[in-house]
Amino acid sequence: MKDPAPAGLAVHAEGTVLCLRLQPRARQTAVVGMVGERLKIAVQAPPVDGKANAELCRFLAEKAGVPRSAVCILQGETGRDKRVLVRGCDPATLRRHLGV
């Protein structure tokens, strides 16, 4: 039986949940690839005062083509491993937009 969502992505009633690993203070903000079952995303911002989280949400919203308010961190606000909800975007579409 085929899995309904690719690794790192899960179906949610409001959209898609991303399980990801954040790498702050990177040279550029980009999708790096997979780390186990998590999508790795590098952001330029430092992990200070929520700047890395804000950059992550901005990047995901831009890539998914949704408003910034449609992206929220469900779990992992202060850690590198996070669960992020992208409202209004199904897993297949989000995967295509992220290029994974």
PDB file of N, CA and C in Angstrom:
ATOM      1  N   MET A   1       0.841  -1.191   0.000  1.00  0.00           N
ATOM      2  CA  MET A   1       0.000   0.000   0.000  1.00  0.00           C
ATOM      3  C   MET A   1       0.881   1.247   0.000  1.00  0.00           C
ATOM      4  N   LYS A   2       0.531   2.209  -0.816  1.00  0.00           N
ATOM      5  CA  LYS A   2       1.321   3.435  -0.943  1.00  0.00           C
ATOM      6  C   LYS A   2       1.060   4.378   0.225  1.00  0.00           C
ATOM      7  N   ASP A   3       2.144   4.962   0.758  1.00  0.00           N
ATOM      8  CA  ASP A   3       2.044   5.942   1.833  1.00  0.00           C
ATOM      9  C   ASP A   3       1.400   7.213   1.283  1.00  0.00           C
ATOM     10  N   PRO A   4       0.390   7.791   1.975  1.00  0.00           N
ATOM     11  CA  PRO A   4      -0.292   8.975   1.449  1.00  0.00           C
ATOM     12  C   PRO A   4       0.561  10.239   1.445  1.00  0.00           C
ATOM     13  N   ALA A   5       1.629  10.267   2.222  1.00  0.00           N
ATOM     14  CA  ALA A   5       2.493  11.451   2.262  1.00  0.00           C
ATOM     15  C   ALA A   5       3.949  11.008   2.225  1.00  0.00           C
ATOM     16  N   PRO A   6       4.800  11.742   1.514  1.00  0.00           N
ATOM     17  CA  PRO A   6       6.218  11.396   1.461  1.00  0.00           C
ATOM     18  C   PRO A   6       6.888  11.605   2.815  1.00  0.00           C
ATOM     19  N   ALA A   7       8.091  11.044   2.976  1.00  0.00           N
ATOM     20  CA  ALA A   7       8.843  11.180   4.224  1.00  0.00           C
ATOM     21  C   ALA A   7       9.025  12.653   4.577  1.00  0.00           C
ATOM     22  N   GLY A   8       8.847  12.959   5.849  1.00  0.00           N
ATOM     23  CA  GLY A   8       8.993  14.332   6.309  1.00  0.00           C
ATOM     24  C   GLY A   8       7.733  15.164   6.195  1.00  0.00           C
ATOM     25  N   LEU A   9       6.719  14.646   5.511  1.00  0.00           N
ATOM     26  CA  LEU A   9       5.456  15.357   5.326  1.00  0.00           C
ATOM     27  C   LEU A   9       4.301  14.496   5.830  1.00  0.00           C
ATOM     28  N   ALA A  10       3.338  15.111   6.468  1.00  0.00           N
ATOM     29  CA  ALA A  10       2.177  14.378   6.964  1.00  0.00           C
ATOM     30  C   ALA A  10       0.908  15.147   6.631  1.00  0.00           C
ATOM     31  N   VAL A  11      -0.128  14.408   6.301  1.00  0.00           N
ATOM     32  CA  VAL A  11      -1.429  15.016   6.009  1.00  0.00           C
ATOM     33  C   VAL A  11      -2.026  15.549   7.304  1.00  0.00           C
ATOM     34  N   HIS A  12      -2.596  16.737   7.237  1.00  0.00           N
ATOM     35  CA  HIS A  12      -3.264  17.377   8.372  1.00  0.00           C
ATOM     36  C   HIS A  12      -4.612  17.871   7.870  1.00  0.00           C
ATOM     37  N   ALA A  13      -5.583  17.972   8.759  1.00  0.00           N
ATOM     38  CA  ALA A  13      -6.926  18.429   8.365  1.00  0.00           C
ATOM     39  C   ALA A  13      -6.888  19.805   7.694  1.00  0.00           C
ATOM     40  N   GLU A  14      -5.931  20.655   8.067  1.00  0.00           N
ATOM     41  CA  GLU A  14      -5.849  22.011   7.510  1.00  0.00           C
ATOM     42  C   GLU A  14      -4.805  22.163   6.416  1.00  0.00           C
ATOM     43  N   GLY A  15      -4.012  21.127   6.164  1.00  0.00           N
ATOM     44  CA  GLY A  15      -2.967  21.240   5.149  1.00  0.00           C
ATOM     45  C   GLY A  15      -1.934  20.144   5.286  1.00  0.00           C
ATOM     46  N   THR A  16      -0.676  20.539   5.514  1.00  0.00           N
ATOM     47  CA  THR A  16       0.435  19.594   5.614  1.00  0.00           C
ATOM     48  C   THR A  16       1.311  19.940   6.807  1.00  0.00           C
ATOM     49  N   VAL A  17       1.759  18.912   7.520  1.00  0.00           N
ATOM     50  CA  VAL A  17       2.720  19.097   8.596  1.00  0.00           C
ATOM     51  C   VAL A  17       4.077  18.626   8.092  1.00  0.00           C
ATOM     52  N   LEU A  18       5.073  19.490   8.245  1.00  0.00           N
ATOM     53  CA  LEU A  18       6.451  19.163   7.876  1.00  0.00           C
ATOM     54  C   LEU A  18       7.219  18.796   9.135  1.00  0.00           C
ATOM     55  N   CYS A  19       7.918  17.668   9.100  1.00  0.00           N
ATOM     56  CA  CYS A  19       8.853  17.324  10.165  1.00  0.00           C
ATOM     57  C   CYS A  19      10.211  17.714   9.611  1.00  0.00           C
ATOM     58  N   LEU A  20      10.862  18.652  10.259  1.00  0.00           N
ATOM     59  CA  LEU A  20      12.105  19.153   9.685  1.00  0.00           C
ATOM     60  C   LEU A  20      13.188  19.402  10.717  1.00  0.00           C
ATOM     61  N   ARG A  21      14.396  19.543  10.198  1.00  0.00           N
ATOM     62  CA  ARG A  21      15.575  19.881  10.986  1.00  0.00           C
ATOM     63  C   ARG A  21      16.041  21.229  10.462  1.00  0.00           C
ATOM     64  N   LEU A  22      16.162  22.206  11.351  1.00  0.00           N
ATOM     65  CA  LEU A  22      16.556  23.561  10.973  1.00  0.00           C
ATOM     66  C   LEU A  22      18.045  23.764  11.194  1.00  0.00           C
ATOM     67  N   GLN A  23      18.707  24.367  10.230  1.00  0.00           N
ATOM     68  CA  GLN A  23      20.114  24.706  10.344  1.00  0.00           C
ATOM     69  C   GLN A  23      20.243  26.225  10.249  1.00  0.00           C
ATOM     70  N   PRO A  24      20.370  26.920  11.399  1.00  0.00           N
ATOM     71  CA  PRO A  24      20.503  28.382  11.364  1.00  0.00           C
ATOM     72  C   PRO A  24      21.911  28.809  10.955  1.00  0.00           C
ATOM     73  N   ARG A  25      22.057  30.101  10.685  1.00  0.00           N
ATOM     74  CA  ARG A  25      23.341  30.724  10.311  1.00  0.00           C
ATOM     75  C   ARG A  25      23.986  30.080   9.094  1.00  0.00           C
ATOM     76  N   ALA A  26      23.174  29.727   8.106  1.00  0.00           N
ATOM     77  CA  ALA A  26      23.690  29.138   6.870  1.00  0.00           C
ATOM     78  C   ALA A  26      24.066  30.249   5.891  1.00  0.00           C
ATOM     79  N   ARG A  27      24.775  29.888   4.867  1.00  0.00           N
ATOM     80  CA  ARG A  27      25.169  30.859   3.845  1.00  0.00           C
ATOM     81  C   ARG A  27      23.949  31.399   3.112  1.00  0.00           C
ATOM     82  N   GLN A  28      22.973  30.512   2.837  1.00  0.00           N
ATOM     83  CA  GLN A  28      21.741  30.935   2.170  1.00  0.00           C
ATOM     84  C   GLN A  28      20.577  30.103   2.689  1.00  0.00           C
ATOM     85  N   THR A  29      19.384  30.650   2.572  1.00  0.00           N
ATOM     86  CA  THR A  29      18.182  29.939   2.981  1.00  0.00           C
ATOM     87  C   THR A  29      17.759  29.023   1.846  1.00  0.00           C
ATOM     88  N   ALA A  30      17.690  27.708   2.143  1.00  0.00           N
ATOM     89  CA  ALA A  30      17.371  26.736   1.104  1.00  0.00           C
ATOM     90  C   ALA A  30      17.013  25.392   1.721  1.00  0.00           C
ATOM     91  N   VAL A  31      16.347  24.562   0.925  1.00  0.00           N
ATOM     92  CA  VAL A  31      16.111  23.184   1.304  1.00  0.00           C
ATOM     93  C   VAL A  31      17.407  22.426   1.033  1.00  0.00           C
ATOM     94  N   VAL A  32      17.916  21.736   2.056  1.00  0.00           N
ATOM     95  CA  VAL A  32      19.188  21.036   1.933  1.00  0.00           C
ATOM     96  C   VAL A  32      18.984  19.588   1.491  1.00  0.00           C
ATOM     97  N   GLY A  33      17.951  18.938   2.003  1.00  0.00           N
ATOM     98  CA  GLY A  33      17.696  17.537   1.676  1.00  0.00           C
ATOM     99  C   GLY A  33      17.028  16.842   2.838  1.00  0.00           C
ATOM    100  N   MET A  34      17.244  15.545   2.944  1.00  0.00           N
ATOM    101  CA  MET A  34      16.639  14.761   4.014  1.00  0.00           C
ATOM    102  C   MET A  34      17.704  14.337   5.021  1.00  0.00           C
ATOM    103  N   VAL A  35      17.306  14.342   6.301  1.00  0.00           N
ATOM    104  CA  VAL A  35      18.126  13.813   7.385  1.00  0.00           C
ATOM    105  C   VAL A  35      17.246  12.778   8.076  1.00  0.00           C
ATOM    106  N   GLY A  36      17.448  11.520   7.748  1.00  0.00           N
ATOM    107  CA  GLY A  36      16.556  10.473   8.246  1.00  0.00           C
ATOM    108  C   GLY A  36      15.171  10.692   7.678  1.00  0.00           C
ATOM    109  N   GLU A  37      14.189  10.838   8.555  1.00  0.00           N
ATOM    110  CA  GLU A  37      12.804  11.072   8.130  1.00  0.00           C
ATOM    111  C   GLU A  37      12.440  12.554   8.140  1.00  0.00           C
ATOM    112  N   ARG A  38      13.404  13.425   8.369  1.00  0.00           N
ATOM    113  CA  ARG A  38      13.146  14.861   8.458  1.00  0.00           C
ATOM    114  C   ARG A  38      13.727  15.601   7.256  1.00  0.00           C
ATOM    115  N   LEU A  39      13.008  16.627   6.838  1.00  0.00           N
ATOM    116  CA  LEU A  39      13.478  17.514   5.786  1.00  0.00           C
ATOM    117  C   LEU A  39      14.422  18.524   6.429  1.00  0.00           C
ATOM    118  N   LYS A  40      15.595  18.725   5.850  1.00  0.00           N
ATOM    119  CA  LYS A  40      16.554  19.681   6.411  1.00  0.00           C
ATOM    120  C   LYS A  40      16.471  20.983   5.631  1.00  0.00           C
ATOM    121  N   ILE A  41      16.267  22.081   6.383  1.00  0.00           N
ATOM    122  CA  ILE A  41      16.199  23.407   5.785  1.00  0.00           C
ATOM    123  C   ILE A  41      17.218  24.308   6.471  1.00  0.00           C
ATOM    124  N   ALA A  42      18.042  24.957   5.681  1.00  0.00           N
ATOM    125  CA  ALA A  42      19.036  25.894   6.187  1.00  0.00           C
ATOM    126  C   ALA A  42      18.485  27.311   6.048  1.00  0.00           C
ATOM    127  N   VAL A  43      18.692  28.135   7.082  1.00  0.00           N
ATOM    128  CA  VAL A  43      18.279  29.542   7.029  1.00  0.00           C
ATOM    129  C   VAL A  43      19.467  30.426   7.382  1.00  0.00           C
ATOM    130  N   GLN A  44      19.505  31.609   6.786  1.00  0.00           N
ATOM    131  CA  GLN A  44      20.591  32.544   7.035  1.00  0.00           C
ATOM    132  C   GLN A  44      20.532  33.156   8.429  1.00  0.00           C
ATOM    133  N   ALA A  45      19.352  33.292   8.976  1.00  0.00           N
ATOM    134  CA  ALA A  45      19.157  33.985  10.245  1.00  0.00           C
ATOM    135  C   ALA A  45      19.771  33.214  11.420  1.00  0.00           C
ATOM    136  N   PRO A  46      20.212  33.939  12.441  1.00  0.00           N
ATOM    137  CA  PRO A  46      20.730  33.281  13.647  1.00  0.00           C
ATOM    138  C   PRO A  46      19.583  32.815  14.547  1.00  0.00           C
ATOM    139  N   PRO A  47      19.862  31.837  15.420  1.00  0.00           N
ATOM    140  CA  PRO A  47      18.818  31.341  16.315  1.00  0.00           C
ATOM    141  C   PRO A  47      18.651  32.221  17.554  1.00  0.00           C
ATOM    142  N   VAL A  48      18.433  33.499  17.332  1.00  0.00           N
ATOM    143  CA  VAL A  48      18.322  34.470  18.422  1.00  0.00           C
ATOM    144  C   VAL A  48      17.006  35.231  18.281  1.00  0.00           C
ATOM    145  N   ASP A  49      16.287  35.371  19.376  1.00  0.00           N
ATOM    146  CA  ASP A  49      15.038  36.144  19.404  1.00  0.00           C
ATOM    147  C   ASP A  49      14.032  35.701  18.339  1.00  0.00           C
ATOM    148  N   GLY A  50      14.014  34.423  18.010  1.00  0.00           N
ATOM    149  CA  GLY A  50      13.030  33.913  17.051  1.00  0.00           C
ATOM    150  C   GLY A  50      13.318  34.258  15.601  1.00  0.00           C
ATOM    151  N   LYS A  51      14.501  34.793  15.305  1.00  0.00           N
ATOM    152  CA  LYS A  51      14.811  35.194  13.928  1.00  0.00           C
ATOM    153  C   LYS A  51      14.881  34.011  12.972  1.00  0.00           C
ATOM    154  N   ALA A  52      15.462  32.897  13.418  1.00  0.00           N
ATOM    155  CA  ALA A  52      15.553  31.716  12.548  1.00  0.00           C
ATOM    156  C   ALA A  52      14.158  31.153  12.278  1.00  0.00           C
ATOM    157  N   ASN A  53      13.305  31.115  13.289  1.00  0.00           N
ATOM    158  CA  ASN A  53      11.933  30.630  13.101  1.00  0.00           C
ATOM    159  C   ASN A  53      11.160  31.527  12.146  1.00  0.00           C
ATOM    160  N   ALA A  54      11.317  32.833  12.292  1.00  0.00           N
ATOM    161  CA  ALA A  54      10.631  33.777  11.412  1.00  0.00           C
ATOM    162  C   ALA A  54      11.094  33.608   9.961  1.00  0.00           C
ATOM    163  N   GLU A  55      12.396  33.417   9.767  1.00  0.00           N
ATOM    164  CA  GLU A  55      12.942  33.209   8.419  1.00  0.00           C
ATOM    165  C   GLU A  55      12.438  31.892   7.837  1.00  0.00           C
ATOM    166  N   LEU A  56      12.365  30.864   8.662  1.00  0.00           N
ATOM    167  CA  LEU A  56      11.844  29.577   8.218  1.00  0.00           C
ATOM    168  C   LEU A  56      10.396  29.712   7.750  1.00  0.00           C
ATOM    169  N   CYS A  57       9.558  30.356   8.531  1.00  0.00           N
ATOM    170  CA  CYS A  57       8.149  30.523   8.177  1.00  0.00           C
ATOM    171  C   CYS A  57       7.986  31.367   6.919  1.00  0.00           C
ATOM    172  N   ARG A  58       8.789  32.425   6.795  1.00  0.00           N
ATOM    173  CA  ARG A  58       8.747  33.262   5.593  1.00  0.00           C
ATOM    174  C   ARG A  58       9.126  32.450   4.362  1.00  0.00           C
ATOM    175  N   PHE A  59      10.186  31.673   4.467  1.00  0.00           N
ATOM    176  CA  PHE A  59      10.678  30.851   3.361  1.00  0.00           C
ATOM    177  C   PHE A  59       9.637  29.811   2.941  1.00  0.00           C
ATOM    178  N   LEU A  60       9.061  29.103   3.923  1.00  0.00           N
ATOM    179  CA  LEU A  60       8.068  28.082   3.609  1.00  0.00           C
ATOM    180  C   LEU A  60       6.821  28.691   2.966  1.00  0.00           C
ATOM    181  N   ALA A  61       6.390  29.830   3.469  1.00  0.00           N
ATOM    182  CA  ALA A  61       5.216  30.497   2.893  1.00  0.00           C
ATOM    183  C   ALA A  61       5.480  30.900   1.444  1.00  0.00           C
ATOM    184  N   GLU A  62       6.659  31.443   1.209  1.00  0.00           N
ATOM    185  CA  GLU A  62       7.026  31.863  -0.149  1.00  0.00           C
ATOM    186  C   GLU A  62       7.077  30.663  -1.095  1.00  0.00           C
ATOM    187  N   LYS A  63       7.716  29.592  -0.672  1.00  0.00           N
ATOM    188  CA  LYS A  63       7.838  28.390  -1.500  1.00  0.00           C
ATOM    189  C   LYS A  63       6.491  27.738  -1.775  1.00  0.00           C
ATOM    190  N   ALA A  64       5.619  27.708  -0.748  1.00  0.00           N
ATOM    191  CA  ALA A  64       4.319  27.049  -0.884  1.00  0.00           C
ATOM    192  C   ALA A  64       3.293  27.929  -1.580  1.00  0.00           C
ATOM    193  N   GLY A  65       3.579  29.225  -1.690  1.00  0.00           N
ATOM    194  CA  GLY A  65       2.638  30.136  -2.324  1.00  0.00           C
ATOM    195  C   GLY A  65       1.434  30.434  -1.456  1.00  0.00           C
ATOM    196  N   VAL A  66       1.668  30.452  -0.139  1.00  0.00           N
ATOM    197  CA  VAL A  66       0.600  30.761   0.815  1.00  0.00           C
ATOM    198  C   VAL A  66       0.999  31.992   1.615  1.00  0.00           C
ATOM    199  N   PRO A  67       0.034  32.663   2.263  1.00  0.00           N
ATOM    200  CA  PRO A  67       0.396  33.807   3.099  1.00  0.00           C
ATOM    201  C   PRO A  67       1.234  33.373   4.299  1.00  0.00           C
ATOM    202  N   ARG A  68       2.028  34.270   4.797  1.00  0.00           N
ATOM    203  CA  ARG A  68       2.884  33.988   5.967  1.00  0.00           C
ATOM    204  C   ARG A  68       2.047  33.497   7.144  1.00  0.00           C
ATOM    205  N   SER A  69       0.836  33.997   7.290  1.00  0.00           N
ATOM    206  CA  SER A  69      -0.041  33.608   8.394  1.00  0.00           C
ATOM    207  C   SER A  69      -0.523  32.158   8.280  1.00  0.00           C
ATOM    208  N   ALA A  70      -0.324  31.515   7.123  1.00  0.00           N
ATOM    209  CA  ALA A  70      -0.739  30.125   6.928  1.00  0.00           C
ATOM    210  C   ALA A  70       0.313  29.136   7.405  1.00  0.00           C
ATOM    211  N   VAL A  71       1.459  29.636   7.865  1.00  0.00           N
ATOM    212  CA  VAL A  71       2.546  28.777   8.334  1.00  0.00           C
ATOM    213  C   VAL A  71       2.745  28.990   9.824  1.00  0.00           C
ATOM    214  N   CYS A  72       2.707  27.903  10.602  1.00  0.00           N
ATOM    215  CA  CYS A  72       2.950  28.048  12.043  1.00  0.00           C
ATOM    216  C   CYS A  72       3.728  26.854  12.569  1.00  0.00           C
ATOM    217  N   ILE A  73       4.537  27.112  13.579  1.00  0.00           N
ATOM    218  CA  ILE A  73       5.338  26.066  14.215  1.00  0.00           C
ATOM    219  C   ILE A  73       4.477  25.403  15.286  1.00  0.00           C
ATOM    220  N   LEU A  74       4.242  24.106  15.123  1.00  0.00           N
ATOM    221  CA  LEU A  74       3.429  23.353  16.071  1.00  0.00           C
ATOM    222  C   LEU A  74       4.261  22.857  17.251  1.00  0.00           C
ATOM    223  N   GLN A  75       5.501  22.486  16.979  1.00  0.00           N
ATOM    224  CA  GLN A  75       6.348  21.887  17.997  1.00  0.00           C
ATOM    225  C   GLN A  75       7.807  22.194  17.673  1.00  0.00           C
ATOM    226  N   GLY A  76       8.610  22.460  18.719  1.00  0.00           N
ATOM    227  CA  GLY A  76      10.040  22.671  18.523  1.00  0.00           C
ATOM    228  C   GLY A  76      10.435  24.125  18.375  1.00  0.00           C
ATOM    229  N   GLU A  77       9.681  25.018  18.964  1.00  0.00           N
ATOM    230  CA  GLU A  77       9.938  26.457  18.863  1.00  0.00           C
ATOM    231  C   GLU A  77      11.389  26.818  19.208  1.00  0.00           C
ATOM    232  N   THR A  78      11.972  26.145  20.205  1.00  0.00           N
ATOM    233  CA  THR A  78      13.324  26.500  20.646  1.00  0.00           C
ATOM    234  C   THR A  78      14.388  25.493  20.235  1.00  0.00           C
ATOM    235  N   GLY A  79      14.012  24.442  19.515  1.00  0.00           N
ATOM    236  CA  GLY A  79      14.981  23.432  19.105  1.00  0.00           C
ATOM    237  C   GLY A  79      15.190  23.420  17.605  1.00  0.00           C
ATOM    238  N   ARG A  80      16.082  22.552  17.156  1.00  0.00           N
ATOM    239  CA  ARG A  80      16.335  22.427  15.718  1.00  0.00           C
ATOM    240  C   ARG A  80      15.319  21.523  15.033  1.00  0.00           C
ATOM    241  N   ASP A  81      14.820  20.523  15.758  1.00  0.00           N
ATOM    242  CA  ASP A  81      13.811  19.631  15.201  1.00  0.00           C
ATOM    243  C   ASP A  81      12.441  20.258  15.422  1.00  0.00           C
ATOM    244  N   LYS A  82      11.681  20.399  14.340  1.00  0.00           N
ATOM    245  CA  LYS A  82      10.410  21.121  14.393  1.00  0.00           C
ATOM    246  C   LYS A  82       9.318  20.371  13.639  1.00  0.00           C
ATOM    247  N   ARG A  83       8.094  20.673  14.007  1.00  0.00           N
ATOM    248  CA  ARG A  83       6.904  20.266  13.258  1.00  0.00           C
ATOM    249  C   ARG A  83       6.206  21.557  12.874  1.00  0.00           C
ATOM    250  N   VAL A  84       6.047  21.778  11.567  1.00  0.00           N
ATOM    251  CA  VAL A  84       5.503  23.033  11.057  1.00  0.00           C
ATOM    252  C   VAL A  84       4.267  22.730  10.212  1.00  0.00           C
ATOM    253  N   LEU A  85       3.185  23.448  10.488  1.00  0.00           N
ATOM    254  CA  LEU A  85       1.949  23.304   9.717  1.00  0.00           C
ATOM    255  C   LEU A  85       1.909  24.352   8.613  1.00  0.00           C
ATOM    256  N   VAL A  86       1.657  23.883   7.391  1.00  0.00           N
ATOM    257  CA  VAL A  86       1.439  24.775   6.247  1.00  0.00           C
ATOM    258  C   VAL A  86      -0.017  24.584   5.843  1.00  0.00           C
ATOM    259  N   ARG A  87      -0.849  25.559   6.172  1.00  0.00           N
ATOM    260  CA  ARG A  87      -2.279  25.467   5.886  1.00  0.00           C
ATOM    261  C   ARG A  87      -2.555  25.693   4.395  1.00  0.00           C
ATOM    262  N   GLY A  88      -3.536  24.953   3.887  1.00  0.00           N
ATOM    263  CA  GLY A  88      -3.984  25.170   2.515  1.00  0.00           C
ATOM    264  C   GLY A  88      -3.089  24.590   1.444  1.00  0.00           C
ATOM    265  N   CYS A  89      -2.229  23.640   1.803  1.00  0.00           N
ATOM    266  CA  CYS A  89      -1.308  23.048   0.822  1.00  0.00           C
ATOM    267  C   CYS A  89      -1.202  21.549   1.109  1.00  0.00           C
ATOM    268  N   ASP A  90      -1.534  20.718   0.130  1.00  0.00           N
ATOM    269  CA  ASP A  90      -1.458  19.268   0.346  1.00  0.00           C
ATOM    270  C   ASP A  90      -0.010  18.791   0.233  1.00  0.00           C
ATOM    271  N   PRO A  91       0.314  17.609   0.785  1.00  0.00           N
ATOM    272  CA  PRO A  91       1.705  17.131   0.794  1.00  0.00           C
ATOM    273  C   PRO A  91       2.360  17.033  -0.584  1.00  0.00           C
ATOM    274  N   ALA A  92       1.632  16.535  -1.570  1.00  0.00           N
ATOM    275  CA  ALA A  92       2.229  16.383  -2.905  1.00  0.00           C
ATOM    276  C   ALA A  92       2.597  17.735  -3.507  1.00  0.00           C
ATOM    277  N   THR A  93       1.714  18.704  -3.363  1.00  0.00           N
ATOM    278  CA  THR A  93       1.977  20.046  -3.882  1.00  0.00           C
ATOM    279  C   THR A  93       3.131  20.688  -3.151  1.00  0.00           C
ATOM    280  N   LEU A  94       3.156  20.565  -1.823  1.00  0.00           N
ATOM    281  CA  LEU A  94       4.234  21.157  -1.036  1.00  0.00           C
ATOM    282  C   LEU A  94       5.565  20.509  -1.384  1.00  0.00           C
ATOM    283  N   ARG A  95       5.562  19.213  -1.547  1.00  0.00           N
ATOM    284  CA  ARG A  95       6.794  18.519  -1.928  1.00  0.00           C
ATOM    285  C   ARG A  95       7.316  19.045  -3.253  1.00  0.00           C
ATOM    286  N   ARG A  96       6.430  19.228  -4.215  1.00  0.00           N
ATOM    287  CA  ARG A  96       6.821  19.749  -5.518  1.00  0.00           C
ATOM    288  C   ARG A  96       7.382  21.166  -5.408  1.00  0.00           C
ATOM    289  N   HIS A  97       6.718  22.024  -4.616  1.00  0.00           N
ATOM    290  CA  HIS A  97       7.189  23.398  -4.443  1.00  0.00           C
ATOM    291  C   HIS A  97       8.557  23.463  -3.756  1.00  0.00           C
ATOM    292  N   LEU A  98       8.802  22.530  -2.845  1.00  0.00           N
ATOM    293  CA  LEU A  98      10.079  22.520  -2.122  1.00  0.00           C
ATOM    294  C   LEU A  98      11.182  21.817  -2.903  1.00  0.00           C
ATOM    295  N   GLY A  99      10.787  21.070  -3.927  1.00  0.00           N
ATOM    296  CA  GLY A  99      11.786  20.396  -4.754  1.00  0.00           C
ATOM    297  C   GLY A  99      12.379  19.165  -4.116  1.00  0.00           C
ATOM    298  N   VAL A 100      11.601  18.472  -3.294  1.00  0.00           N
ATOM    299  CA  VAL A 100      12.110  17.236  -2.651  1.00  0.00           C
ATOM    300  C   VAL A 100      11.334  16.032  -3.128  1.00  0.00           C
TER     301      VAL A 100
END
